[in-house]
Amino acid sequence: MNNDRHGISVGVERIDHEYVLMFKATGHLTHQDYLALTPKLESALKTVGSENIKMVADIKELNGWDIRAAWDDLKLGIKLRTNLGRVAIYGDKGWQELASKVGSLFIAGEVKQFTEYDDAIDWVTAAT
């Protein structure tokens, strides 16, 4: 049985004394996935605040986007660009490193790609 799992989950974790926005994308994302994400993301942003946001984006199980979802992702990045202080991207596929480099062009803060989840957490929560 082949399950077509895809979607985006977002949450907030408290690590030491700060809140970190946790973002996980799986499968092949669609425009509908981004429509479902928006209210969840707005709620999470109220918890973490709106400046110098630290985020871990787990894209290890992400396979790609349809064209409209890619556009949604770009718009989301532009909307948040000045609020993101550090973004750790966790994934181990070659194209994911390229995606993180392209994404860093649209984000005012630091963006770094990791192949180890714990390294991503350590970096995003390190003192700046």
Protein backbone atom coordinates (compact mmCIF):
# COMPACT_ATOMS: atom_id res chain seq x y z
CA MET A 1 0.00 0.00 0.00
CA ASN A 2 1.41 3.36 -1.05
CA ASN A 3 0.29 6.23 1.15
CA ASP A 4 0.53 9.69 -0.39
CA ARG A 5 1.50 11.54 2.78
CA HIS A 6 2.18 15.22 2.44
CA GLY A 7 1.73 18.33 4.51
CA ILE A 8 3.23 20.88 6.82
CA SER A 9 3.17 20.90 10.60
CA VAL A 10 4.20 23.82 12.75
CA GLY A 11 4.64 24.09 16.47
CA VAL A 12 6.58 25.77 19.22
CA GLU A 13 9.12 24.17 21.53
CA ARG A 14 10.77 25.73 24.52
CA ILE A 15 14.47 24.93 24.45
CA ASP A 16 16.33 26.15 27.51
CA HIS A 17 14.91 29.65 28.00
CA GLU A 18 13.65 30.49 24.55
CA TYR A 19 10.93 29.54 22.15
CA VAL A 20 11.79 27.94 18.82
CA LEU A 21 9.39 27.68 15.91
CA MET A 22 9.42 24.07 14.68
CA PHE A 23 8.40 23.50 11.08
CA LYS A 24 8.16 20.09 9.38
CA ALA A 25 7.32 19.44 5.73
CA THR A 26 6.67 15.98 4.29
CA GLY A 27 5.95 14.59 0.85
CA HIS A 28 5.12 16.70 -2.19
CA LEU A 29 3.54 19.96 -0.98
CA THR A 30 0.46 21.53 -2.52
CA HIS A 31 -1.27 24.89 -2.36
CA GLN A 32 -3.83 23.31 -0.02
CA ASP A 33 -1.02 22.42 2.40
CA TYR A 34 -0.07 26.10 2.62
CA LEU A 35 -3.70 27.15 3.09
CA ALA A 36 -3.89 24.77 6.07
CA LEU A 37 -0.57 26.07 7.42
CA THR A 38 -1.45 29.77 7.59
CA PRO A 39 -3.68 29.80 10.71
CA LYS A 40 -1.35 27.39 12.54
CA LEU A 41 1.66 29.55 11.70
CA GLU A 42 -0.05 32.75 12.84
CA SER A 43 -0.91 31.11 16.17
CA ALA A 44 2.66 29.85 16.64
CA LEU A 45 4.09 33.29 15.82
CA LYS A 46 2.01 34.82 18.61
CA THR A 47 3.75 32.44 21.03
CA VAL A 48 7.33 33.02 19.88
CA GLY A 49 6.98 36.77 19.28
CA SER A 50 7.61 38.62 16.07
CA GLU A 51 11.26 39.62 16.19
CA ASN A 52 14.43 37.57 15.87
CA ILE A 53 12.49 34.33 15.46
CA LYS A 54 14.51 31.15 15.70
CA MET A 55 13.21 28.33 13.54
CA VAL A 56 14.09 24.74 12.74
CA ALA A 57 12.75 23.60 9.37
CA ASP A 58 12.75 19.81 9.12
CA ILE A 59 12.63 19.01 5.40
CA LYS A 60 14.19 15.56 5.59
CA GLU A 61 10.96 13.95 4.30
CA LEU A 62 10.13 16.72 1.81
CA ASN A 63 10.09 15.60 -1.82
CA GLY A 64 9.20 18.91 -3.45
CA TRP A 65 6.35 21.31 -4.23
CA ASP A 66 3.86 21.87 -6.96
CA ILE A 67 4.30 25.25 -8.68
CA ARG A 68 1.59 27.03 -6.71
CA ALA A 69 2.97 25.69 -3.42
CA ALA A 70 6.45 26.94 -4.41
CA TRP A 71 4.91 30.38 -4.96
CA ASP A 72 3.17 30.15 -1.56
CA ASP A 73 6.49 29.25 0.06
CA LEU A 74 8.23 32.23 -1.54
CA LYS A 75 5.46 34.60 -0.39
CA LEU A 76 5.67 33.20 3.14
CA GLY A 77 9.44 33.70 3.20
CA ILE A 78 9.10 37.29 2.02
CA LYS A 79 6.39 37.98 4.62
CA LEU A 80 8.61 36.68 7.44
CA ARG A 81 11.98 37.77 6.03
CA THR A 82 12.73 40.55 8.51
CA ASN A 83 11.46 38.60 11.53
CA LEU A 84 13.62 35.49 11.15
CA GLY A 85 16.84 35.68 13.15
CA ARG A 86 18.14 32.15 12.61
CA VAL A 87 16.77 29.35 10.48
CA ALA A 88 18.27 25.87 10.73
CA ILE A 89 17.27 23.65 7.82
CA TYR A 90 17.49 19.93 8.52
CA GLY A 91 17.63 17.52 5.59
CA ASP A 92 20.09 15.29 3.80
CA LYS A 93 19.23 15.48 0.10
CA GLY A 94 21.54 17.43 -2.20
CA TRP A 95 18.78 19.64 -3.58
CA GLN A 96 17.80 20.64 -0.04
CA GLU A 97 21.16 22.33 0.49
CA LEU A 98 20.60 24.30 -2.71
CA ALA A 99 17.06 25.17 -1.58
CA SER A 100 18.43 26.50 1.72
CA LYS A 101 20.94 28.68 -0.13
CA VAL A 102 18.22 30.10 -2.36
CA GLY A 103 15.95 30.62 0.65
CA SER A 104 18.68 32.55 2.44
CA LEU A 105 18.47 35.20 -0.30
CA PHE A 106 14.97 36.08 0.91
CA ILE A 107 15.61 36.01 4.67
CA ALA A 108 17.33 38.81 6.56
CA GLY A 109 18.68 36.50 9.29
CA GLU A 110 21.10 33.60 9.14
CA VAL A 111 20.20 30.38 7.35
CA LYS A 112 22.24 27.20 7.64
CA GLN A 113 21.63 23.64 6.42
CA PHE A 114 22.30 20.56 8.57
CA THR A 115 22.29 16.83 7.97
CA GLU A 116 22.07 16.07 11.73
CA TYR A 117 18.97 17.17 13.66
CA ASP A 118 20.80 17.77 16.96
CA ASP A 119 23.34 20.00 15.19
CA ALA A 120 20.46 22.08 13.79
CA ILE A 121 18.96 22.50 17.27
CA ASP A 122 22.33 23.38 18.83
CA TRP A 123 23.08 26.01 16.19
CA VAL A 124 19.67 27.68 16.18
CA THR A 125 19.66 28.02 19.99
CA ALA A 126 23.30 29.10 20.36
CA ALA A 127 23.91 32.62 21.63
CA THR A 128 24.39 35.10 18.81
